[in-house]
Amino acid sequence: MNDEKIKAIPYAKEELHQMKIGWIGLGNMGIPMAGNLLSAGYDVTVWNRTPDKAEPLLARGAGIADKPYHLLEQCDVVFTMVSDDTAVKAIYMEADGLLSGNARDRILVDMSTVSPETSRFLAERCRQAGHRFLDAPVSGSVGPAREGKLIIMAGGEQESFDRVRPLFDKLGKLALHLGPNGSGSSAKLAINLLLGITVQGVAETVLFAREMGIPTEQMLTIISESAVGTPLIKGKAASILADEFPAAFALKHMAKDLRLARQAGASSPLAESVYASYQSALREGLGDLDLMAILRYLNGAKVEA
């Protein structure tokens, strides 16, 4: 389809709300994201390996499918938001997976953080099955997901992106089409590399300041009000001060993302440093805590040294 035809696609409110949406993956991110589509008036049907997790959405009017492939029979667009490459491949490729049915010409959107290679693999399998595929991971954790303020990075055909864009607009504050399949996943690994570096940098700064006799609360204020201050630091301040790290973005997921970035070629000195730190913290049993728990790991390593 040429650009003129793409621009001519109508997105009248009535038409959009006739679109039927499928959603797979009801974790900390999936529930609020699917919920935002429900709040926007869309017909949403969900599937999850643990059906009980669907209860909050069912109470709000969502439907539930018995098998993943049933979503493609019932829906126009199906989103997947699961933990890793293995999980998403299973959702698409297992005997009752998304691609096992007879439906054709659907748009499948994977918002999981996976390798670009996996995204391109799924795109090709979808093409062979007569569907279109976007890799569209997000930057942002539970708070932005709940508020519909995620950043969405998409790879795939422009036409498919344009068709799904109104849905993205309900999920995030910014949606970018970055190129062919794999581009969204590549951008997600890049931004999460910066996230890992930033969080470790804050942790190292706080620990150094403590050694020099600077109270942590004051150091966090200095950071936040300086040129290097970010909303991330302000958001993590309470956890740092309390030394309590309930997971908004689990450390185990950051460790996984840094591993994927390394496999994709990220090998700079900073990339190698944060990769090693998060893998060690994972081995120390901190994986289910928030990624800011890297502070606890680095502090322990310093004490042991």
C-alpha atoms as a PDB file:
ATOM      1  CA  MET A   1       0.000   0.000   0.000  1.00  0.00           C
ATOM      2  CA  ASN A   2       1.434   3.406  -0.961  1.00  0.00           C
ATOM      3  CA  ASP A   3       1.709   6.431   1.331  1.00  0.00           C
ATOM      4  CA  GLU A   4      -1.391   8.122  -0.089  1.00  0.00           C
ATOM      5  CA  LYS A   5      -3.509   5.100   0.686  1.00  0.00           C
ATOM      6  CA  ILE A   6      -2.017   4.824   4.167  1.00  0.00           C
ATOM      7  CA  LYS A   7      -2.905   8.428   4.926  1.00  0.00           C
ATOM      8  CA  ALA A   8      -6.419   7.816   3.659  1.00  0.00           C
ATOM      9  CA  ILE A   9      -7.148   5.050   6.172  1.00  0.00           C
ATOM     10  CA  PRO A  10     -10.119   6.394   8.192  1.00  0.00           C
ATOM     11  CA  TYR A  11      -9.846   6.399  11.959  1.00  0.00           C
ATOM     12  CA  ALA A  12     -13.306   7.578  12.887  1.00  0.00           C
ATOM     13  CA  LYS A  13     -14.171   6.920  16.512  1.00  0.00           C
ATOM     14  CA  GLU A  14     -16.948   4.525  15.570  1.00  0.00           C
ATOM     15  CA  GLU A  15     -14.657   2.442  13.349  1.00  0.00           C
ATOM     16  CA  LEU A  16     -11.871   2.254  15.894  1.00  0.00           C
ATOM     17  CA  HIS A  17     -14.176   1.041  18.619  1.00  0.00           C
ATOM     18  CA  GLN A  18     -15.357  -1.739  16.333  1.00  0.00           C
ATOM     19  CA  MET A  19     -11.808  -3.117  16.361  1.00  0.00           C
ATOM     20  CA  LYS A  20     -11.573  -6.180  18.539  1.00  0.00           C
ATOM     21  CA  ILE A  21      -8.399  -6.451  20.595  1.00  0.00           C
ATOM     22  CA  GLY A  22      -6.709  -9.561  21.968  1.00  0.00           C
ATOM     23  CA  TRP A  23      -4.187  -9.420  24.797  1.00  0.00           C
ATOM     24  CA  ILE A  24      -1.785 -12.092  26.055  1.00  0.00           C
ATOM     25  CA  GLY A  25       0.344 -11.511  29.125  1.00  0.00           C
ATOM     26  CA  LEU A  26      -1.220 -10.202  32.339  1.00  0.00           C
ATOM     27  CA  GLY A  27       1.759  -9.344  34.482  1.00  0.00           C
ATOM     28  CA  ASN A  28       2.520  -6.049  36.193  1.00  0.00           C
ATOM     29  CA  MET A  29       2.583  -4.258  32.837  1.00  0.00           C
ATOM     30  CA  GLY A  30      -0.025  -6.197  30.886  1.00  0.00           C
ATOM     31  CA  ILE A  31      -2.937  -5.654  33.253  1.00  0.00           C
ATOM     32  CA  PRO A  32      -2.813  -1.843  33.293  1.00  0.00           C
ATOM     33  CA  MET A  33      -2.087  -1.665  29.554  1.00  0.00           C
ATOM     34  CA  ALA A  34      -5.003  -3.900  28.609  1.00  0.00           C
ATOM     35  CA  GLY A  35      -7.066  -1.980  31.137  1.00  0.00           C
ATOM     36  CA  ASN A  36      -6.330   1.287  29.340  1.00  0.00           C
ATOM     37  CA  LEU A  37      -7.726  -0.155  26.128  1.00  0.00           C
ATOM     38  CA  LEU A  38     -10.848  -1.211  27.989  1.00  0.00           C
ATOM     39  CA  SER A  39     -11.164   2.272  29.463  1.00  0.00           C
ATOM     40  CA  ALA A  40     -10.915   3.714  25.959  1.00  0.00           C
ATOM     41  CA  GLY A  41     -13.968   1.712  24.919  1.00  0.00           C
ATOM     42  CA  TYR A  42     -12.369  -1.132  22.993  1.00  0.00           C
ATOM     43  CA  ASP A  43     -13.636  -4.711  22.953  1.00  0.00           C
ATOM     44  CA  VAL A  44     -10.785  -6.617  24.663  1.00  0.00           C
ATOM     45  CA  THR A  45     -10.385 -10.381  25.006  1.00  0.00           C
ATOM     46  CA  VAL A  46      -7.495 -11.804  27.032  1.00  0.00           C
ATOM     47  CA  TRP A  47      -5.600 -15.028  27.521  1.00  0.00           C
ATOM     48  CA  ASN A  48      -3.069 -15.858  30.226  1.00  0.00           C
ATOM     49  CA  ARG A  49      -1.361 -19.053  31.338  1.00  0.00           C
ATOM     50  CA  THR A  50      -2.653 -18.320  34.839  1.00  0.00           C
ATOM     51  CA  PRO A  51      -6.344 -17.550  34.205  1.00  0.00           C
ATOM     52  CA  ASP A  52      -6.916 -16.074  37.687  1.00  0.00           C
ATOM     53  CA  LYS A  53      -4.825 -13.052  36.720  1.00  0.00           C
ATOM     54  CA  ALA A  54      -7.525 -12.069  34.258  1.00  0.00           C
ATOM     55  CA  GLU A  55     -10.140 -11.520  36.973  1.00  0.00           C
ATOM     56  CA  PRO A  56      -9.632  -7.742  37.384  1.00  0.00           C
ATOM     57  CA  LEU A  57     -10.087  -7.240  33.639  1.00  0.00           C
ATOM     58  CA  LEU A  58     -13.023  -9.626  33.378  1.00  0.00           C
ATOM     59  CA  ALA A  59     -14.753  -7.630  36.121  1.00  0.00           C
ATOM     60  CA  ARG A  60     -14.394  -4.569  33.877  1.00  0.00           C
ATOM     61  CA  GLY A  61     -15.946  -6.265  30.869  1.00  0.00           C
ATOM     62  CA  ALA A  62     -13.097  -8.062  29.118  1.00  0.00           C
ATOM     63  CA  GLY A  63     -13.680 -11.455  27.530  1.00  0.00           C
ATOM     64  CA  ILE A  64     -11.425 -14.477  27.945  1.00  0.00           C
ATOM     65  CA  ALA A  65     -10.227 -16.987  25.353  1.00  0.00           C
ATOM     66  CA  ASP A  66      -9.652 -20.689  25.961  1.00  0.00           C
ATOM     67  CA  LYS A  67      -6.558 -20.913  23.712  1.00  0.00           C
ATOM     68  CA  PRO A  68      -4.151 -18.341  22.261  1.00  0.00           C
ATOM     69  CA  TYR A  69      -5.206 -19.071  18.675  1.00  0.00           C
ATOM     70  CA  HIS A  70      -8.827 -18.344  19.576  1.00  0.00           C
ATOM     71  CA  LEU A  71      -7.813 -14.696  19.917  1.00  0.00           C
ATOM     72  CA  LEU A  72      -6.896 -14.532  16.235  1.00  0.00           C
ATOM     73  CA  GLU A  73     -10.264 -16.011  15.352  1.00  0.00           C
ATOM     74  CA  GLN A  74     -12.062 -13.352  17.411  1.00  0.00           C
ATOM     75  CA  CYS A  75      -9.853 -10.253  17.177  1.00  0.00           C
ATOM     76  CA  ASP A  76      -8.371  -7.843  14.632  1.00  0.00           C
ATOM     77  CA  VAL A  77      -5.200  -7.011  16.580  1.00  0.00           C
ATOM     78  CA  VAL A  78      -3.505  -9.201  19.185  1.00  0.00           C
ATOM     79  CA  PHE A  79      -0.917  -7.884  21.637  1.00  0.00           C
ATOM     80  CA  THR A  80       1.606 -10.042  23.471  1.00  0.00           C
ATOM     81  CA  MET A  81       3.483  -8.827  26.540  1.00  0.00           C
ATOM     82  CA  VAL A  82       5.447 -11.638  28.205  1.00  0.00           C
ATOM     83  CA  SER A  83       8.728 -12.102  30.025  1.00  0.00           C
ATOM     84  CA  ASP A  84      11.341 -13.259  27.523  1.00  0.00           C
ATOM     85  CA  ASP A  85      12.230 -14.803  24.152  1.00  0.00           C
ATOM     86  CA  THR A  86      11.332 -18.349  25.192  1.00  0.00           C
ATOM     87  CA  ALA A  87       7.923 -17.328  26.496  1.00  0.00           C
ATOM     88  CA  VAL A  88       6.968 -15.294  23.436  1.00  0.00           C
ATOM     89  CA  LYS A  89       8.083 -17.985  20.997  1.00  0.00           C
ATOM     90  CA  ALA A  90       5.938 -20.482  22.881  1.00  0.00           C
ATOM     91  CA  ILE A  91       2.908 -18.173  22.694  1.00  0.00           C
ATOM     92  CA  TYR A  92       3.267 -17.946  18.921  1.00  0.00           C
ATOM     93  CA  MET A  93       4.572 -21.384  17.993  1.00  0.00           C
ATOM     94  CA  GLU A  94       3.166 -24.014  20.400  1.00  0.00           C
ATOM     95  CA  ALA A  95       0.508 -26.495  19.279  1.00  0.00           C
ATOM     96  CA  ASP A  96      -2.312 -24.197  20.447  1.00  0.00           C
ATOM     97  CA  GLY A  97      -0.325 -20.997  19.939  1.00  0.00           C
ATOM     98  CA  LEU A  98      -1.327 -17.918  18.015  1.00  0.00           C
ATOM     99  CA  LEU A  99      -0.156 -19.238  14.658  1.00  0.00           C
ATOM    100  CA  SER A 100      -1.743 -22.669  14.978  1.00  0.00           C
ATOM    101  CA  GLY A 101      -5.222 -21.631  13.847  1.00  0.00           C
ATOM    102  CA  ASN A 102      -6.749 -20.856  10.451  1.00  0.00           C
ATOM    103  CA  ALA A 103      -7.320 -17.119  10.807  1.00  0.00           C
ATOM    104  CA  ARG A 104      -5.546 -14.817   8.336  1.00  0.00           C
ATOM    105  CA  ASP A 105      -4.724 -11.131   7.865  1.00  0.00           C
ATOM    106  CA  ARG A 106      -4.470 -10.109  11.504  1.00  0.00           C
ATOM    107  CA  ILE A 107      -1.944  -7.722  13.058  1.00  0.00           C
ATOM    108  CA  LEU A 108       0.142  -9.201  15.865  1.00  0.00           C
ATOM    109  CA  VAL A 109       2.023  -6.796  18.115  1.00  0.00           C
ATOM    110  CA  ASP A 110       4.700  -8.074  20.460  1.00  0.00           C
ATOM    111  CA  MET A 111       5.495  -5.598  23.233  1.00  0.00           C
ATOM    112  CA  SER A 112       7.850  -7.939  25.101  1.00  0.00           C
ATOM    113  CA  THR A 113      11.522  -7.096  25.520  1.00  0.00           C
ATOM    114  CA  VAL A 114      13.247  -9.716  23.392  1.00  0.00           C
ATOM    115  CA  SER A 115      16.176  -9.938  21.019  1.00  0.00           C
ATOM    116  CA  PRO A 116      15.916  -8.359  17.545  1.00  0.00           C
ATOM    117  CA  GLU A 117      16.613 -11.834  16.180  1.00  0.00           C
ATOM    118  CA  THR A 118      13.515 -13.206  17.911  1.00  0.00           C
ATOM    119  CA  SER A 119      11.414 -10.329  16.590  1.00  0.00           C
ATOM    120  CA  ARG A 120      12.540 -10.987  13.026  1.00  0.00           C
ATOM    121  CA  PHE A 121      11.897 -14.720  13.492  1.00  0.00           C
ATOM    122  CA  LEU A 122       8.328 -14.084  14.661  1.00  0.00           C
ATOM    123  CA  ALA A 123       7.749 -11.572  11.872  1.00  0.00           C
ATOM    124  CA  GLU A 124       8.698 -14.140   9.252  1.00  0.00           C
ATOM    125  CA  ARG A 125       6.523 -16.824  10.833  1.00  0.00           C
ATOM    126  CA  CYS A 126       3.593 -14.416  10.925  1.00  0.00           C
ATOM    127  CA  ARG A 127       4.152 -13.492   7.277  1.00  0.00           C
ATOM    128  CA  GLN A 128       4.138 -17.166   6.308  1.00  0.00           C
ATOM    129  CA  ALA A 129       0.862 -17.616   8.196  1.00  0.00           C
ATOM    130  CA  GLY A 130      -0.747 -14.654   6.404  1.00  0.00           C
ATOM    131  CA  HIS A 131      -0.452 -12.095   9.218  1.00  0.00           C
ATOM    132  CA  ARG A 132       1.391  -8.841   9.862  1.00  0.00           C
ATOM    133  CA  PHE A 133       3.750  -8.332  12.798  1.00  0.00           C
ATOM    134  CA  LEU A 134       5.103  -5.395  14.771  1.00  0.00           C
ATOM    135  CA  ASP A 135       7.750  -5.574  17.456  1.00  0.00           C
ATOM    136  CA  ALA A 136       6.769  -2.702  19.757  1.00  0.00           C
ATOM    137  CA  PRO A 137       8.425  -2.882  23.187  1.00  0.00           C
ATOM    138  CA  VAL A 138       7.955  -0.032  25.632  1.00  0.00           C
ATOM    139  CA  SER A 139      10.098   2.181  27.807  1.00  0.00           C
ATOM    140  CA  GLY A 140       8.520   2.771  31.204  1.00  0.00           C
ATOM    141  CA  SER A 141       7.466   0.714  34.191  1.00  0.00           C
ATOM    142  CA  VAL A 142       4.221   0.117  36.073  1.00  0.00           C
ATOM    143  CA  GLY A 143       3.425   3.757  36.843  1.00  0.00           C
ATOM    144  CA  PRO A 144       3.647   4.972  33.227  1.00  0.00           C
ATOM    145  CA  ALA A 145       1.808   1.828  32.091  1.00  0.00           C
ATOM    146  CA  ARG A 146      -1.065   2.649  34.419  1.00  0.00           C
ATOM    147  CA  GLU A 147      -1.109   6.298  33.333  1.00  0.00           C
ATOM    148  CA  GLY A 148      -0.834   5.541  29.607  1.00  0.00           C
ATOM    149  CA  LYS A 149       2.487   7.389  29.395  1.00  0.00           C
ATOM    150  CA  LEU A 150       4.784   4.721  27.984  1.00  0.00           C
ATOM    151  CA  ILE A 151       7.173   5.268  25.082  1.00  0.00           C
ATOM    152  CA  ILE A 152       6.505   2.741  22.318  1.00  0.00           C
ATOM    153  CA  MET A 153       9.257   1.773  19.866  1.00  0.00           C
ATOM    154  CA  ALA A 154       7.971  -0.090  16.827  1.00  0.00           C
ATOM    155  CA  GLY A 155       9.535  -2.095  14.032  1.00  0.00           C
ATOM    156  CA  GLY A 156       7.629  -3.462  11.045  1.00  0.00           C
ATOM    157  CA  GLU A 157       5.621  -2.215   8.077  1.00  0.00           C
ATOM    158  CA  GLN A 158       4.538   1.418   8.130  1.00  0.00           C
ATOM    159  CA  GLU A 159       0.995   0.424   7.126  1.00  0.00           C
ATOM    160  CA  SER A 160       0.648  -1.876  10.135  1.00  0.00           C
ATOM    161  CA  PHE A 161       2.041   0.794  12.449  1.00  0.00           C
ATOM    162  CA  ASP A 162      -0.425   3.359  11.117  1.00  0.00           C
ATOM    163  CA  ARG A 163      -3.294   0.954  11.576  1.00  0.00           C
ATOM    164  CA  VAL A 164      -2.364   0.243  15.212  1.00  0.00           C
ATOM    165  CA  ARG A 165      -1.277   3.797  16.061  1.00  0.00           C
ATOM    166  CA  PRO A 166      -4.634   4.792  17.639  1.00  0.00           C
ATOM    167  CA  LEU A 167      -4.225   1.891  20.063  1.00  0.00           C
ATOM    168  CA  PHE A 168      -0.652   2.905  20.836  1.00  0.00           C
ATOM    169  CA  ASP A 169      -1.955   6.385  21.610  1.00  0.00           C
ATOM    170  CA  LYS A 170      -4.052   4.894  24.421  1.00  0.00           C
ATOM    171  CA  LEU A 171      -1.054   3.053  25.841  1.00  0.00           C
ATOM    172  CA  GLY A 172       1.689   5.646  25.639  1.00  0.00           C
ATOM    173  CA  LYS A 173       2.636   9.304  25.325  1.00  0.00           C
ATOM    174  CA  LEU A 174       4.872   8.648  22.326  1.00  0.00           C
ATOM    175  CA  ALA A 175       4.892   5.977  19.606  1.00  0.00           C
ATOM    176  CA  LEU A 176       7.677   5.891  17.017  1.00  0.00           C
ATOM    177  CA  HIS A 177       7.999   3.806  13.872  1.00  0.00           C
ATOM    178  CA  LEU A 178      11.735   3.063  13.663  1.00  0.00           C
ATOM    179  CA  GLY A 179      12.078   0.839  10.599  1.00  0.00           C
ATOM    180  CA  PRO A 180      11.739  -2.840   9.685  1.00  0.00           C
ATOM    181  CA  ASN A 181      11.081  -5.678  12.086  1.00  0.00           C
ATOM    182  CA  GLY A 182      13.706  -5.862  14.807  1.00  0.00           C
ATOM    183  CA  SER A 183      14.105  -2.078  14.991  1.00  0.00           C
ATOM    184  CA  GLY A 184      11.775  -1.721  17.961  1.00  0.00           C
ATOM    185  CA  SER A 185      13.558  -4.458  19.892  1.00  0.00           C
ATOM    186  CA  SER A 186      16.936  -2.926  19.053  1.00  0.00           C
ATOM    187  CA  ALA A 187      15.849   0.480  20.354  1.00  0.00           C
ATOM    188  CA  LYS A 188      14.507  -1.108  23.546  1.00  0.00           C
ATOM    189  CA  LEU A 189      17.835  -2.803  24.268  1.00  0.00           C
ATOM    190  CA  ALA A 190      19.630   0.487  23.668  1.00  0.00           C
ATOM    191  CA  ILE A 191      17.437   2.521  26.027  1.00  0.00           C
ATOM    192  CA  ASN A 192      17.598  -0.183  28.684  1.00  0.00           C
ATOM    193  CA  LEU A 193      21.380  -0.191  28.428  1.00  0.00           C
ATOM    194  CA  LEU A 194      21.254   3.507  29.331  1.00  0.00           C
ATOM    195  CA  LEU A 195      18.787   2.712  32.128  1.00  0.00           C
ATOM    196  CA  GLY A 196      21.134   0.101  33.598  1.00  0.00           C
ATOM    197  CA  ILE A 197      24.103   2.474  33.370  1.00  0.00           C
ATOM    198  CA  THR A 198      22.109   5.319  34.956  1.00  0.00           C
ATOM    199  CA  VAL A 199      20.816   3.258  37.875  1.00  0.00           C
ATOM    200  CA  GLN A 200      24.252   1.818  38.608  1.00  0.00           C
ATOM    201  CA  GLY A 201      25.742   5.308  38.312  1.00  0.00           C
ATOM    202  CA  VAL A 202      23.300   6.639  40.919  1.00  0.00           C
ATOM    203  CA  ALA A 203      24.090   3.707  43.205  1.00  0.00           C
ATOM    204  CA  GLU A 204      27.837   4.236  42.928  1.00  0.00           C
ATOM    205  CA  THR A 205      27.449   7.982  43.505  1.00  0.00           C
ATOM    206  CA  VAL A 206      25.351   7.468  46.647  1.00  0.00           C
ATOM    207  CA  LEU A 207      27.819   4.947  48.055  1.00  0.00           C
ATOM    208  CA  PHE A 208      30.788   7.223  47.342  1.00  0.00           C
ATOM    209  CA  ALA A 209      28.998  10.174  48.958  1.00  0.00           C
ATOM    210  CA  ARG A 210      28.312   8.094  52.084  1.00  0.00           C
ATOM    211  CA  GLU A 211      31.988   7.256  52.362  1.00  0.00           C
ATOM    212  CA  MET A 212      32.740  10.967  52.225  1.00  0.00           C
ATOM    213  CA  GLY A 213      30.222  11.722  54.986  1.00  0.00           C
ATOM    214  CA  ILE A 214      27.454  13.142  52.781  1.00  0.00           C
ATOM    215  CA  PRO A 215      23.951  12.046  53.892  1.00  0.00           C
ATOM    216  CA  THR A 216      22.123  10.071  51.238  1.00  0.00           C
ATOM    217  CA  GLU A 217      19.026  12.268  51.317  1.00  0.00           C
ATOM    218  CA  GLN A 218      21.071  15.380  50.658  1.00  0.00           C
ATOM    219  CA  MET A 219      23.050  13.686  47.900  1.00  0.00           C
ATOM    220  CA  LEU A 220      19.845  12.634  46.172  1.00  0.00           C
ATOM    221  CA  THR A 221      18.604  16.221  46.371  1.00  0.00           C
ATOM    222  CA  ILE A 222      21.828  17.451  44.808  1.00  0.00           C
ATOM    223  CA  ILE A 223      21.529  14.914  41.985  1.00  0.00           C
ATOM    224  CA  SER A 224      17.862  15.674  41.352  1.00  0.00           C
ATOM    225  CA  GLU A 225      18.370  19.427  41.191  1.00  0.00           C
ATOM    226  CA  SER A 226      21.499  19.240  39.047  1.00  0.00           C
ATOM    227  CA  ALA A 227      21.943  18.960  35.292  1.00  0.00           C
ATOM    228  CA  VAL A 228      22.059  15.148  35.605  1.00  0.00           C
ATOM    229  CA  GLY A 229      18.810  14.892  37.532  1.00  0.00           C
ATOM    230  CA  THR A 230      16.040  12.796  35.973  1.00  0.00           C
ATOM    231  CA  PRO A 231      12.500  11.730  36.973  1.00  0.00           C
ATOM    232  CA  LEU A 232      13.984   8.250  37.424  1.00  0.00           C
ATOM    233  CA  ILE A 233      16.157   9.398  40.322  1.00  0.00           C
ATOM    234  CA  LYS A 234      13.287  11.203  42.018  1.00  0.00           C
ATOM    235  CA  GLY A 235      11.161   8.099  41.602  1.00  0.00           C
ATOM    236  CA  LYS A 236      13.755   5.852  43.224  1.00  0.00           C
ATOM    237  CA  ALA A 237      14.648   8.200  46.118  1.00  0.00           C
ATOM    238  CA  ALA A 238      12.178   6.736  48.619  1.00  0.00           C
ATOM    239  CA  SER A 239      13.394   3.184  47.951  1.00  0.00           C
ATOM    240  CA  ILE A 240      17.030   4.226  48.306  1.00  0.00           C
ATOM    241  CA  LEU A 241      16.404   6.000  51.605  1.00  0.00           C
ATOM    242  CA  ALA A 242      14.369   3.118  53.040  1.00  0.00           C
ATOM    243  CA  ASP A 243      16.679   0.426  51.601  1.00  0.00           C
ATOM    244  CA  GLU A 244      13.511  -1.291  50.409  1.00  0.00           C
ATOM    245  CA  PHE A 245      13.160  -2.226  46.763  1.00  0.00           C
ATOM    246  CA  PRO A 246       9.688  -3.463  45.770  1.00  0.00           C
ATOM    247  CA  ALA A 247       9.836  -4.265  42.081  1.00  0.00           C
ATOM    248  CA  ALA A 248       8.541  -1.726  39.606  1.00  0.00           C
ATOM    249  CA  PHE A 249      11.014  -3.164  37.095  1.00  0.00           C
ATOM    250  CA  ALA A 250      12.575  -6.329  38.490  1.00  0.00           C
ATOM    251  CA  LEU A 251      16.347  -6.613  38.558  1.00  0.00           C
ATOM    252  CA  LYS A 252      16.111 -10.018  36.870  1.00  0.00           C
ATOM    253  CA  HIS A 253      14.542  -8.364  33.830  1.00  0.00           C
ATOM    254  CA  MET A 254      17.297  -5.777  33.645  1.00  0.00           C
ATOM    255  CA  ALA A 255      19.882  -8.557  33.884  1.00  0.00           C
ATOM    256  CA  LYS A 256      18.127 -10.302  30.994  1.00  0.00           C
ATOM    257  CA  ASP A 257      17.982  -7.141  28.904  1.00  0.00           C
ATOM    258  CA  LEU A 258      21.669  -6.403  29.430  1.00  0.00           C
ATOM    259  CA  ARG A 259      22.461  -9.975  28.415  1.00  0.00           C
ATOM    260  CA  LEU A 260      20.459  -9.506  25.215  1.00  0.00           C
ATOM    261  CA  ALA A 261      22.183  -6.173  24.540  1.00  0.00           C
ATOM    262  CA  ARG A 262      25.563  -7.824  24.986  1.00  0.00           C
ATOM    263  CA  GLN A 263      24.576 -10.619  22.606  1.00  0.00           C
ATOM    264  CA  ALA A 264      23.517  -7.956  20.103  1.00  0.00           C
ATOM    265  CA  GLY A 265      26.976  -6.357  20.273  1.00  0.00           C
ATOM    266  CA  ALA A 266      26.988  -3.909  23.202  1.00  0.00           C
ATOM    267  CA  SER A 267      30.561  -4.311  24.443  1.00  0.00           C
ATOM    268  CA  SER A 268      31.682  -0.850  25.563  1.00  0.00           C
ATOM    269  CA  PRO A 269      33.437  -0.473  28.943  1.00  0.00           C
ATOM    270  CA  LEU A 270      30.248   0.795  30.625  1.00  0.00           C
ATOM    271  CA  ALA A 271      28.118  -1.905  29.015  1.00  0.00           C
ATOM    272  CA  GLU A 272      30.499  -4.607  30.229  1.00  0.00           C
ATOM    273  CA  SER A 273      30.555  -3.125  33.732  1.00  0.00           C
ATOM    274  CA  VAL A 274      26.792  -2.974  34.207  1.00  0.00           C
ATOM    275  CA  TYR A 275      26.342  -6.382  32.599  1.00  0.00           C
ATOM    276  CA  ALA A 276      28.748  -7.929  35.131  1.00  0.00           C
ATOM    277  CA  SER A 277      27.143  -6.109  38.080  1.00  0.00           C
ATOM    278  CA  TYR A 278      23.568  -7.111  37.298  1.00  0.00           C
ATOM    279  CA  GLN A 279      24.493 -10.723  36.553  1.00  0.00           C
ATOM    280  CA  SER A 280      26.287 -10.909  39.909  1.00  0.00           C
ATOM    281  CA  ALA A 281      23.354  -9.303  41.711  1.00  0.00           C
ATOM    282  CA  LEU A 282      21.071 -11.863  40.082  1.00  0.00           C
ATOM    283  CA  ARG A 283      23.261 -14.682  41.354  1.00  0.00           C
ATOM    284  CA  GLU A 284      23.120 -13.107  44.828  1.00  0.00           C
ATOM    285  CA  GLY A 285      19.344 -13.623  44.868  1.00  0.00           C
ATOM    286  CA  LEU A 286      18.228 -10.034  44.240  1.00  0.00           C
ATOM    287  CA  GLY A 287      16.410 -10.759  40.976  1.00  0.00           C
ATOM    288  CA  ASP A 288      12.856 -10.294  42.257  1.00  0.00           C
ATOM    289  CA  LEU A 289      13.629  -6.884  43.763  1.00  0.00           C
ATOM    290  CA  ASP A 290      13.563  -3.630  41.829  1.00  0.00           C
ATOM    291  CA  LEU A 291      16.580  -2.918  39.637  1.00  0.00           C
ATOM    292  CA  MET A 292      17.568  -0.188  42.119  1.00  0.00           C
ATOM    293  CA  ALA A 293      18.553  -3.067  44.410  1.00  0.00           C
ATOM    294  CA  ILE A 294      21.841  -2.957  42.509  1.00  0.00           C
ATOM    295  CA  LEU A 295      22.690  -0.464  45.276  1.00  0.00           C
ATOM    296  CA  ARG A 296      22.364  -3.229  47.861  1.00  0.00           C
ATOM    297  CA  TYR A 297      24.545  -5.534  45.794  1.00  0.00           C
ATOM    298  CA  LEU A 298      27.268  -2.919  45.254  1.00  0.00           C
ATOM    299  CA  ASN A 299      27.225  -1.974  48.922  1.00  0.00           C
ATOM    300  CA  GLY A 300      27.623  -5.606  49.933  1.00  0.00           C
ATOM    301  CA  ALA A 301      30.422  -6.123  47.436  1.00  0.00           C
ATOM    302  CA  LYS A 302      32.197  -3.041  48.799  1.00  0.00           C
ATOM    303  CA  VAL A 303      31.871  -4.278  52.396  1.00  0.00           C
ATOM    304  CA  GLU A 304      33.211  -7.717  51.464  1.00  0.00           C
ATOM    305  CA  ALA A 305      36.136  -6.134  49.638  1.00  0.00           C
END
